[in-house]
């Protein structure tokens, strides 16, 4: 435990520094490229890594899931944001719908065969889960980079700040288990602390990161902080459920003391969806 804390104390600031550097390159247009392209590229790579870990996790747990179609369609979806100008939500939904149909329809037809009846339905469900749960929100997060880059940092800080707040409050005051059959370490006190930190960050950061292009009144900032924190905690618990069902501790061993890429982005996935809807509504 002490060794893990030491590793986290080094690795977490290093990752934050890297993210800050990539964000700085984008906002300053340091290389003269399209604003948002560096952050979108990083998100796309993390999305693909998360999908690959999802496949390994489920197959390790004995579930049928596509090993080729899911990564291939994920790459196609996550490359598409670079090829059009964001700002028209009708156009932005075309890649999501098209890629989902291309993913699901061939598997649905294949499962009609007698030899594929047993695993066909499970493969469809598991593959579609990975695509909608991971690839969709990462695609929308990449689009947010091109729509309004500072709001991506806003979401990350509010959500990850809530994660850190929940961990600290849980360690200091945690007594009552939140949902022990899924995540024994999480407590109600930690969850409430996480909520408080996210709301405070949403209120504090709304002017420094969102104005002037995105107007977020105080009452709406509070609601956004609540919504982002709720989806953050839900995303973390959903991945905990998945790992517990597959008898795995982490999605991979890529990051010491943190786990894998999916462990790193799980709390952001639902939150990116929520923020994209809010951003479209506000702009």
C-alpha atoms as a PDB file:
ATOM      1  CA  UNK A   1       0.000   0.000   0.000  1.00  0.00           C
ATOM      2  CA  UNK A   2       2.751   2.485   0.937  1.00  0.00           C
ATOM      3  CA  UNK A   3       4.677   1.615  -2.215  1.00  0.00           C
ATOM      4  CA  UNK A   4       1.540   2.177  -4.329  1.00  0.00           C
ATOM      5  CA  UNK A   5       1.059   5.588  -2.749  1.00  0.00           C
ATOM      6  CA  UNK A   6       4.638   6.533  -3.554  1.00  0.00           C
ATOM      7  CA  UNK A   7       4.226   5.445  -7.161  1.00  0.00           C
ATOM      8  CA  UNK A   8       0.954   7.373  -7.446  1.00  0.00           C
ATOM      9  CA  UNK A   9       2.611  10.451  -5.930  1.00  0.00           C
ATOM     10  CA  UNK A  10       5.149  10.416  -8.775  1.00  0.00           C
ATOM     11  CA  UNK A  11       3.052   9.137 -11.665  1.00  0.00           C
ATOM     12  CA  UNK A  12      -0.045  11.323 -11.166  1.00  0.00           C
ATOM     13  CA  UNK A  13       1.827  14.682 -11.324  1.00  0.00           C
ATOM     14  CA  UNK A  14       3.814  13.400 -14.299  1.00  0.00           C
ATOM     15  CA  UNK A  15       0.639  12.565 -16.203  1.00  0.00           C
ATOM     16  CA  UNK A  16      -0.905  15.923 -15.277  1.00  0.00           C
ATOM     17  CA  UNK A  17       2.230  17.679 -16.501  1.00  0.00           C
ATOM     18  CA  UNK A  18       2.067  15.792 -19.794  1.00  0.00           C
ATOM     19  CA  UNK A  19      -1.610  16.640 -20.252  1.00  0.00           C
ATOM     20  CA  UNK A  20      -0.890  20.280 -19.401  1.00  0.00           C
ATOM     21  CA  UNK A  21       1.926  20.392 -21.957  1.00  0.00           C
ATOM     22  CA  UNK A  22      -0.263  18.929 -24.720  1.00  0.00           C
ATOM     23  CA  UNK A  23      -3.050  21.363 -23.841  1.00  0.00           C
ATOM     24  CA  UNK A  24      -0.580  24.285 -23.926  1.00  0.00           C
ATOM     25  CA  UNK A  25       0.645  23.207 -27.368  1.00  0.00           C
ATOM     26  CA  UNK A  26      -2.962  23.301 -28.589  1.00  0.00           C
ATOM     27  CA  UNK A  27      -4.124  26.585 -27.070  1.00  0.00           C
ATOM     28  CA  UNK A  28      -0.967  28.446 -28.122  1.00  0.00           C
ATOM     29  CA  UNK A  29      -1.033  26.860 -31.608  1.00  0.00           C
ATOM     30  CA  UNK A  30       2.681  26.289 -31.025  1.00  0.00           C
ATOM     31  CA  UNK A  31       3.224  24.236 -34.183  1.00  0.00           C
ATOM     32  CA  UNK A  32       0.741  26.211 -36.250  1.00  0.00           C
ATOM     33  CA  UNK A  33      -1.663  23.310 -36.618  1.00  0.00           C
ATOM     34  CA  UNK A  34      -5.411  23.177 -36.118  1.00  0.00           C
ATOM     35  CA  UNK A  35      -6.369  24.127 -32.533  1.00  0.00           C
ATOM     36  CA  UNK A  36      -7.440  21.056 -30.571  1.00  0.00           C
ATOM     37  CA  UNK A  37      -5.669  18.521 -32.752  1.00  0.00           C
ATOM     38  CA  UNK A  38      -3.067  17.486 -30.142  1.00  0.00           C
ATOM     39  CA  UNK A  39      -5.629  16.897 -27.379  1.00  0.00           C
ATOM     40  CA  UNK A  40      -7.961  15.118 -29.802  1.00  0.00           C
ATOM     41  CA  UNK A  41      -5.110  12.846 -30.903  1.00  0.00           C
ATOM     42  CA  UNK A  42      -4.271  11.978 -27.293  1.00  0.00           C
ATOM     43  CA  UNK A  43      -7.935  11.229 -26.551  1.00  0.00           C
ATOM     44  CA  UNK A  44      -8.231   9.087 -29.674  1.00  0.00           C
ATOM     45  CA  UNK A  45      -5.206   6.997 -28.725  1.00  0.00           C
ATOM     46  CA  UNK A  46      -6.546   6.555 -25.191  1.00  0.00           C
ATOM     47  CA  UNK A  47      -9.938   5.556 -26.586  1.00  0.00           C
ATOM     48  CA  UNK A  48      -8.401   2.888 -28.802  1.00  0.00           C
ATOM     49  CA  UNK A  49      -6.275   1.651 -25.905  1.00  0.00           C
ATOM     50  CA  UNK A  50      -9.371   1.487 -23.703  1.00  0.00           C
ATOM     51  CA  UNK A  51     -11.238  -0.552 -26.316  1.00  0.00           C
ATOM     52  CA  UNK A  52      -8.347  -3.005 -26.668  1.00  0.00           C
ATOM     53  CA  UNK A  53      -8.218  -3.415 -22.889  1.00  0.00           C
ATOM     54  CA  UNK A  54     -11.988  -3.918 -22.831  1.00  0.00           C
ATOM     55  CA  UNK A  55     -11.635  -6.763 -25.344  1.00  0.00           C
ATOM     56  CA  UNK A  56      -8.842  -8.381 -23.333  1.00  0.00           C
ATOM     57  CA  UNK A  57     -10.816  -7.992 -20.113  1.00  0.00           C
ATOM     58  CA  UNK A  58     -13.969  -9.621 -21.466  1.00  0.00           C
ATOM     59  CA  UNK A  59     -12.199 -12.397 -23.304  1.00  0.00           C
ATOM     60  CA  UNK A  60     -10.211 -13.119 -20.148  1.00  0.00           C
ATOM     61  CA  UNK A  61     -13.544 -13.438 -18.340  1.00  0.00           C
ATOM     62  CA  UNK A  62     -14.827 -15.946 -20.893  1.00  0.00           C
ATOM     63  CA  UNK A  63     -17.140 -13.626 -22.837  1.00  0.00           C
ATOM     64  CA  UNK A  64     -17.480 -13.597 -26.608  1.00  0.00           C
ATOM     65  CA  UNK A  65     -16.475 -10.210 -28.064  1.00  0.00           C
ATOM     66  CA  UNK A  66     -15.212  -9.166 -31.477  1.00  0.00           C
ATOM     67  CA  UNK A  67     -11.412  -8.998 -31.675  1.00  0.00           C
ATOM     68  CA  UNK A  68     -11.221  -7.442 -35.149  1.00  0.00           C
ATOM     69  CA  UNK A  69     -14.420  -5.568 -35.968  1.00  0.00           C
ATOM     70  CA  UNK A  70     -14.563  -3.563 -32.736  1.00  0.00           C
ATOM     71  CA  UNK A  71     -10.986  -2.149 -32.961  1.00  0.00           C
ATOM     72  CA  UNK A  72     -11.352  -1.534 -36.701  1.00  0.00           C
ATOM     73  CA  UNK A  73     -14.612   0.428 -36.384  1.00  0.00           C
ATOM     74  CA  UNK A  74     -13.219   2.250 -33.336  1.00  0.00           C
ATOM     75  CA  UNK A  75     -10.240   3.449 -35.389  1.00  0.00           C
ATOM     76  CA  UNK A  76     -12.590   4.542 -38.173  1.00  0.00           C
ATOM     77  CA  UNK A  77     -14.824   6.466 -35.774  1.00  0.00           C
ATOM     78  CA  UNK A  78     -11.963   8.121 -33.888  1.00  0.00           C
ATOM     79  CA  UNK A  79     -10.219   9.232 -37.094  1.00  0.00           C
ATOM     80  CA  UNK A  80     -13.360  10.877 -38.489  1.00  0.00           C
ATOM     81  CA  UNK A  81     -13.392  13.993 -36.206  1.00  0.00           C
ATOM     82  CA  UNK A  82     -10.261  15.302 -37.941  1.00  0.00           C
ATOM     83  CA  UNK A  83     -11.938  15.438 -41.356  1.00  0.00           C
ATOM     84  CA  UNK A  84     -14.763  17.931 -40.861  1.00  0.00           C
ATOM     85  CA  UNK A  85     -15.450  21.224 -39.139  1.00  0.00           C
ATOM     86  CA  UNK A  86     -17.359  20.803 -35.880  1.00  0.00           C
ATOM     87  CA  UNK A  87     -20.368  22.981 -35.137  1.00  0.00           C
ATOM     88  CA  UNK A  88     -23.288  21.233 -36.845  1.00  0.00           C
ATOM     89  CA  UNK A  89     -24.627  18.495 -34.589  1.00  0.00           C
ATOM     90  CA  UNK A  90     -26.574  16.800 -37.420  1.00  0.00           C
ATOM     91  CA  UNK A  91     -23.346  16.225 -39.342  1.00  0.00           C
ATOM     92  CA  UNK A  92     -21.496  15.212 -36.180  1.00  0.00           C
ATOM     93  CA  UNK A  93     -23.933  12.364 -35.507  1.00  0.00           C
ATOM     94  CA  UNK A  94     -23.444  10.736 -38.923  1.00  0.00           C
ATOM     95  CA  UNK A  95     -20.179   8.963 -38.017  1.00  0.00           C
ATOM     96  CA  UNK A  96     -21.711   7.628 -34.775  1.00  0.00           C
ATOM     97  CA  UNK A  97     -24.781   6.175 -36.496  1.00  0.00           C
ATOM     98  CA  UNK A  98     -22.889   4.872 -39.527  1.00  0.00           C
ATOM     99  CA  UNK A  99     -20.125   3.204 -37.507  1.00  0.00           C
ATOM    100  CA  UNK A 100     -22.637   1.618 -35.126  1.00  0.00           C
ATOM    101  CA  UNK A 101     -24.623   0.120 -38.017  1.00  0.00           C
ATOM    102  CA  UNK A 102     -21.443  -1.135 -39.672  1.00  0.00           C
ATOM    103  CA  UNK A 103     -20.459  -2.734 -36.371  1.00  0.00           C
ATOM    104  CA  UNK A 104     -23.767  -4.326 -35.444  1.00  0.00           C
ATOM    105  CA  UNK A 105     -25.433  -5.345 -38.711  1.00  0.00           C
ATOM    106  CA  UNK A 106     -22.812  -7.855 -39.962  1.00  0.00           C
ATOM    107  CA  UNK A 107     -22.655  -9.526 -36.532  1.00  0.00           C
ATOM    108  CA  UNK A 108     -26.441  -9.687 -36.373  1.00  0.00           C
ATOM    109  CA  UNK A 109     -26.587 -11.415 -39.764  1.00  0.00           C
ATOM    110  CA  UNK A 110     -23.735 -13.768 -38.850  1.00  0.00           C
ATOM    111  CA  UNK A 111     -25.467 -14.807 -35.632  1.00  0.00           C
ATOM    112  CA  UNK A 112     -28.369 -16.179 -37.681  1.00  0.00           C
ATOM    113  CA  UNK A 113     -26.218 -19.143 -38.675  1.00  0.00           C
ATOM    114  CA  UNK A 114     -26.798 -22.405 -36.832  1.00  0.00           C
ATOM    115  CA  UNK A 115     -23.156 -22.723 -35.752  1.00  0.00           C
ATOM    116  CA  UNK A 116     -23.116 -19.214 -34.270  1.00  0.00           C
ATOM    117  CA  UNK A 117     -26.380 -19.295 -32.320  1.00  0.00           C
ATOM    118  CA  UNK A 118     -24.864 -19.807 -28.886  1.00  0.00           C
ATOM    119  CA  UNK A 119     -22.267 -17.025 -28.923  1.00  0.00           C
ATOM    120  CA  UNK A 120     -23.765 -14.696 -31.534  1.00  0.00           C
ATOM    121  CA  UNK A 121     -26.085 -12.730 -29.278  1.00  0.00           C
ATOM    122  CA  UNK A 122     -23.464 -12.427 -26.543  1.00  0.00           C
ATOM    123  CA  UNK A 123     -20.879 -11.228 -29.064  1.00  0.00           C
ATOM    124  CA  UNK A 124     -23.261  -8.575 -30.364  1.00  0.00           C
ATOM    125  CA  UNK A 125     -24.070  -7.294 -26.888  1.00  0.00           C
ATOM    126  CA  UNK A 126     -20.497  -7.257 -25.587  1.00  0.00           C
ATOM    127  CA  UNK A 127     -19.085  -5.671 -28.738  1.00  0.00           C
ATOM    128  CA  UNK A 128     -21.785  -3.013 -28.851  1.00  0.00           C
ATOM    129  CA  UNK A 129     -21.230  -2.261 -25.153  1.00  0.00           C
ATOM    130  CA  UNK A 130     -17.545  -1.582 -25.745  1.00  0.00           C
ATOM    131  CA  UNK A 131     -18.289   0.625 -28.738  1.00  0.00           C
ATOM    132  CA  UNK A 132     -21.010   2.735 -27.100  1.00  0.00           C
ATOM    133  CA  UNK A 133     -19.387   2.890 -23.660  1.00  0.00           C
ATOM    134  CA  UNK A 134     -15.850   3.768 -24.797  1.00  0.00           C
ATOM    135  CA  UNK A 135     -15.660   4.789 -28.469  1.00  0.00           C
ATOM    136  CA  UNK A 136     -18.759   7.013 -28.496  1.00  0.00           C
ATOM    137  CA  UNK A 137     -17.799   9.324 -25.610  1.00  0.00           C
ATOM    138  CA  UNK A 138     -14.190   9.557 -26.768  1.00  0.00           C
ATOM    139  CA  UNK A 139     -15.445  10.592 -30.213  1.00  0.00           C
ATOM    140  CA  UNK A 140     -17.609  13.295 -28.611  1.00  0.00           C
ATOM    141  CA  UNK A 141     -14.696  14.401 -26.410  1.00  0.00           C
ATOM    142  CA  UNK A 142     -12.534  14.757 -29.527  1.00  0.00           C
ATOM    143  CA  UNK A 143     -15.281  16.825 -31.095  1.00  0.00           C
ATOM    144  CA  UNK A 144     -15.365  18.993 -27.980  1.00  0.00           C
ATOM    145  CA  UNK A 145     -11.659  19.687 -28.531  1.00  0.00           C
ATOM    146  CA  UNK A 146     -12.565  21.235 -31.884  1.00  0.00           C
ATOM    147  CA  UNK A 147     -15.778  22.897 -30.691  1.00  0.00           C
ATOM    148  CA  UNK A 148     -14.416  24.480 -27.509  1.00  0.00           C
ATOM    149  CA  UNK A 149     -11.032  23.196 -26.334  1.00  0.00           C
ATOM    150  CA  UNK A 150     -10.981  24.769 -22.827  1.00  0.00           C
ATOM    151  CA  UNK A 151     -14.161  22.933 -21.860  1.00  0.00           C
ATOM    152  CA  UNK A 152     -12.348  19.587 -22.266  1.00  0.00           C
ATOM    153  CA  UNK A 153      -9.947  20.682 -19.552  1.00  0.00           C
ATOM    154  CA  UNK A 154     -12.940  21.886 -17.525  1.00  0.00           C
ATOM    155  CA  UNK A 155     -14.524  18.412 -17.634  1.00  0.00           C
ATOM    156  CA  UNK A 156     -11.259  16.616 -16.818  1.00  0.00           C
ATOM    157  CA  UNK A 157     -10.534  18.871 -13.838  1.00  0.00           C
ATOM    158  CA  UNK A 158     -14.064  18.680 -12.434  1.00  0.00           C
ATOM    159  CA  UNK A 159     -14.237  14.893 -12.807  1.00  0.00           C
ATOM    160  CA  UNK A 160     -10.711  13.995 -11.737  1.00  0.00           C
ATOM    161  CA  UNK A 161     -10.861  16.575  -8.962  1.00  0.00           C
ATOM    162  CA  UNK A 162     -13.958  14.773  -7.733  1.00  0.00           C
ATOM    163  CA  UNK A 163     -12.055  11.478  -7.898  1.00  0.00           C
ATOM    164  CA  UNK A 164      -9.241  12.872  -5.772  1.00  0.00           C
ATOM    165  CA  UNK A 165     -11.679  14.504  -3.360  1.00  0.00           C
ATOM    166  CA  UNK A 166     -13.569  11.247  -2.955  1.00  0.00           C
ATOM    167  CA  UNK A 167     -10.354   9.358  -2.252  1.00  0.00           C
ATOM    168  CA  UNK A 168      -9.240  11.901   0.387  1.00  0.00           C
ATOM    169  CA  UNK A 169     -12.631  12.177   2.076  1.00  0.00           C
ATOM    170  CA  UNK A 170     -12.997   8.418   2.034  1.00  0.00           C
ATOM    171  CA  UNK A 171      -9.614   7.893   3.638  1.00  0.00           C
ATOM    172  CA  UNK A 172     -10.244  10.525   6.307  1.00  0.00           C
ATOM    173  CA  UNK A 173     -13.934  10.112   7.111  1.00  0.00           C
ATOM    174  CA  UNK A 174     -15.128   6.946   5.353  1.00  0.00           C
ATOM    175  CA  UNK A 175     -17.187   4.675   7.576  1.00  0.00           C
ATOM    176  CA  UNK A 176     -20.298   3.582   5.664  1.00  0.00           C
ATOM    177  CA  UNK A 177     -19.813   1.351   2.612  1.00  0.00           C
ATOM    178  CA  UNK A 178     -21.397   2.688  -0.567  1.00  0.00           C
ATOM    179  CA  UNK A 179     -21.788  -0.450  -2.663  1.00  0.00           C
ATOM    180  CA  UNK A 180     -19.554  -3.147  -1.141  1.00  0.00           C
ATOM    181  CA  UNK A 181     -20.502  -5.978  -3.501  1.00  0.00           C
ATOM    182  CA  UNK A 182     -19.019  -3.965  -6.388  1.00  0.00           C
ATOM    183  CA  UNK A 183     -16.309  -1.799  -4.823  1.00  0.00           C
ATOM    184  CA  UNK A 184     -15.580  -2.576  -1.151  1.00  0.00           C
ATOM    185  CA  UNK A 185     -13.325   0.448  -0.692  1.00  0.00           C
ATOM    186  CA  UNK A 186     -15.857   3.129  -1.634  1.00  0.00           C
ATOM    187  CA  UNK A 187     -17.853   4.845   1.102  1.00  0.00           C
ATOM    188  CA  UNK A 188     -20.840   7.174   1.255  1.00  0.00           C
ATOM    189  CA  UNK A 189     -18.663   9.794   2.955  1.00  0.00           C
ATOM    190  CA  UNK A 190     -16.165   9.572   0.113  1.00  0.00           C
ATOM    191  CA  UNK A 191     -18.946   9.871  -2.479  1.00  0.00           C
ATOM    192  CA  UNK A 192     -20.329  12.995  -0.791  1.00  0.00           C
ATOM    193  CA  UNK A 193     -16.842  14.496  -0.556  1.00  0.00           C
ATOM    194  CA  UNK A 194     -16.321  13.782  -4.246  1.00  0.00           C
ATOM    195  CA  UNK A 195     -19.601  15.539  -5.066  1.00  0.00           C
ATOM    196  CA  UNK A 196     -18.650  18.579  -3.007  1.00  0.00           C
ATOM    197  CA  UNK A 197     -15.252  18.944  -4.663  1.00  0.00           C
ATOM    198  CA  UNK A 198     -16.697  18.604  -8.185  1.00  0.00           C
ATOM    199  CA  UNK A 199     -19.368  21.245  -7.547  1.00  0.00           C
ATOM    200  CA  UNK A 200     -16.819  23.662  -6.089  1.00  0.00           C
ATOM    201  CA  UNK A 201     -14.491  23.133  -9.040  1.00  0.00           C
ATOM    202  CA  UNK A 202     -17.315  23.609 -11.559  1.00  0.00           C
ATOM    203  CA  UNK A 203     -18.242  26.922  -9.917  1.00  0.00           C
ATOM    204  CA  UNK A 204     -14.642  28.070  -9.552  1.00  0.00           C
ATOM    205  CA  UNK A 205     -13.495  27.134 -13.077  1.00  0.00           C
ATOM    206  CA  UNK A 206     -16.539  28.279 -15.048  1.00  0.00           C
ATOM    207  CA  UNK A 207     -15.212  31.798 -15.635  1.00  0.00           C
ATOM    208  CA  UNK A 208     -11.540  30.994 -16.087  1.00  0.00           C
ATOM    209  CA  UNK A 209     -12.065  28.180 -18.614  1.00  0.00           C
ATOM    210  CA  UNK A 210     -15.466  28.641 -20.237  1.00  0.00           C
ATOM    211  CA  UNK A 211     -16.040  32.379 -20.663  1.00  0.00           C
ATOM    212  CA  UNK A 212     -16.567  34.267 -22.911  1.00  0.00           C
ATOM    213  CA  UNK A 213     -17.739  31.728 -25.494  1.00  0.00           C
ATOM    214  CA  UNK A 214     -19.727  29.545 -23.083  1.00  0.00           C
ATOM    215  CA  UNK A 215     -21.950  31.282 -20.539  1.00  0.00           C
ATOM    216  CA  UNK A 216     -22.463  29.094 -17.478  1.00  0.00           C
ATOM    217  CA  UNK A 217     -24.538  30.829 -14.767  1.00  0.00           C
ATOM    218  CA  UNK A 218     -23.908  29.922 -11.137  1.00  0.00           C
ATOM    219  CA  UNK A 219     -27.041  27.783 -10.796  1.00  0.00           C
ATOM    220  CA  UNK A 220     -26.185  25.881 -13.968  1.00  0.00           C
ATOM    221  CA  UNK A 221     -22.558  25.419 -12.886  1.00  0.00           C
ATOM    222  CA  UNK A 222     -23.824  23.761  -9.705  1.00  0.00           C
ATOM    223  CA  UNK A 223     -26.103  21.447 -11.705  1.00  0.00           C
ATOM    224  CA  UNK A 224     -23.292  20.655 -14.148  1.00  0.00           C
ATOM    225  CA  UNK A 225     -20.952  19.874 -11.244  1.00  0.00           C
ATOM    226  CA  UNK A 226     -23.551  17.494  -9.798  1.00  0.00           C
ATOM    227  CA  UNK A 227     -24.206  15.827 -13.163  1.00  0.00           C
ATOM    228  CA  UNK A 228     -20.512  15.415 -13.986  1.00  0.00           C
ATOM    229  CA  UNK A 229     -19.765  13.999 -10.551  1.00  0.00           C
ATOM    230  CA  UNK A 230     -22.686  11.570 -10.653  1.00  0.00           C
ATOM    231  CA  UNK A 231     -21.586  10.265 -14.065  1.00  0.00           C
ATOM    232  CA  UNK A 232     -17.956  10.191 -12.894  1.00  0.00           C
ATOM    233  CA  UNK A 233     -18.764   7.964  -9.926  1.00  0.00           C
ATOM    234  CA  UNK A 234     -21.129   5.840 -12.016  1.00  0.00           C
ATOM    235  CA  UNK A 235     -18.465   5.285 -14.676  1.00  0.00           C
ATOM    236  CA  UNK A 236     -15.956   4.188 -12.074  1.00  0.00           C
ATOM    237  CA  UNK A 237     -18.443   1.766 -10.522  1.00  0.00           C
ATOM    238  CA  UNK A 238     -19.473   0.324 -13.891  1.00  0.00           C
ATOM    239  CA  UNK A 239     -15.866  -0.517 -14.682  1.00  0.00           C
ATOM    240  CA  UNK A 240     -15.470  -2.002 -11.185  1.00  0.00           C
ATOM    241  CA  UNK A 241     -18.490  -4.195 -11.920  1.00  0.00           C
ATOM    242  CA  UNK A 242     -16.941  -5.270 -15.216  1.00  0.00           C
ATOM    243  CA  UNK A 243     -13.609  -6.147 -13.600  1.00  0.00           C
ATOM    244  CA  UNK A 244     -15.286  -8.013 -10.763  1.00  0.00           C
ATOM    245  CA  UNK A 245     -17.393 -10.005 -13.238  1.00  0.00           C
ATOM    246  CA  UNK A 246     -14.256 -10.868 -15.217  1.00  0.00           C
ATOM    247  CA  UNK A 247     -12.208 -11.618 -12.058  1.00  0.00           C
ATOM    248  CA  UNK A 248      -9.629  -8.940 -12.859  1.00  0.00           C
ATOM    249  CA  UNK A 249      -8.039  -6.364 -10.571  1.00  0.00           C
ATOM    250  CA  UNK A 250      -7.140  -3.866 -13.322  1.00  0.00           C
ATOM    251  CA  UNK A 251      -7.908  -3.470 -17.018  1.00  0.00           C
ATOM    252  CA  UNK A 252      -4.169  -3.964 -17.689  1.00  0.00           C
ATOM    253  CA  UNK A 253      -0.767  -3.438 -16.065  1.00  0.00           C
ATOM    254  CA  UNK A 254       0.269  -0.561 -18.282  1.00  0.00           C
ATOM    255  CA  UNK A 255       0.433   2.099 -15.536  1.00  0.00           C
ATOM    256  CA  UNK A 256       2.035   1.143 -12.200  1.00  0.00           C
ATOM    257  CA  UNK A 257      -0.387   1.505  -9.248  1.00  0.00           C
ATOM    258  CA  UNK A 258      -3.057   2.844 -11.613  1.00  0.00           C
ATOM    259  CA  UNK A 259      -3.862  -0.125 -13.818  1.00  0.00           C
ATOM    260  CA  UNK A 260      -4.610   0.391 -17.475  1.00  0.00           C
ATOM    261  CA  UNK A 261      -5.912   3.092 -19.775  1.00  0.00           C
ATOM    262  CA  UNK A 262      -9.507   2.037 -19.138  1.00  0.00           C
ATOM    263  CA  UNK A 263      -8.909   2.433 -15.400  1.00  0.00           C
ATOM    264  CA  UNK A 264      -7.698   5.959 -16.139  1.00  0.00           C
ATOM    265  CA  UNK A 265     -10.601   7.088 -18.354  1.00  0.00           C
ATOM    266  CA  UNK A 266     -13.524   5.098 -16.923  1.00  0.00           C
ATOM    267  CA  UNK A 267     -14.739   8.003 -14.783  1.00  0.00           C
ATOM    268  CA  UNK A 268     -14.725  10.363 -17.790  1.00  0.00           C
ATOM    269  CA  UNK A 269     -16.723   8.311 -20.281  1.00  0.00           C
ATOM    270  CA  UNK A 270     -20.292   9.084 -19.208  1.00  0.00           C
ATOM    271  CA  UNK A 271     -19.213  12.621 -18.259  1.00  0.00           C
ATOM    272  CA  UNK A 272     -17.978  13.463 -21.761  1.00  0.00           C
ATOM    273  CA  UNK A 273     -21.421  12.530 -23.115  1.00  0.00           C
ATOM    274  CA  UNK A 274     -23.184  14.755 -20.592  1.00  0.00           C
ATOM    275  CA  UNK A 275     -20.906  17.718 -21.227  1.00  0.00           C
ATOM    276  CA  UNK A 276     -21.247  17.444 -25.008  1.00  0.00           C
ATOM    277  CA  UNK A 277     -25.035  17.726 -24.672  1.00  0.00           C
ATOM    278  CA  UNK A 278     -24.640  20.742 -22.356  1.00  0.00           C
ATOM    279  CA  UNK A 279     -22.123  22.365 -24.714  1.00  0.00           C
ATOM    280  CA  UNK A 280     -24.377  21.942 -27.749  1.00  0.00           C
ATOM    281  CA  UNK A 281     -27.292  23.382 -25.802  1.00  0.00           C
ATOM    282  CA  UNK A 282     -25.291  26.381 -24.582  1.00  0.00           C
ATOM    283  CA  UNK A 283     -23.723  27.191 -27.944  1.00  0.00           C
END
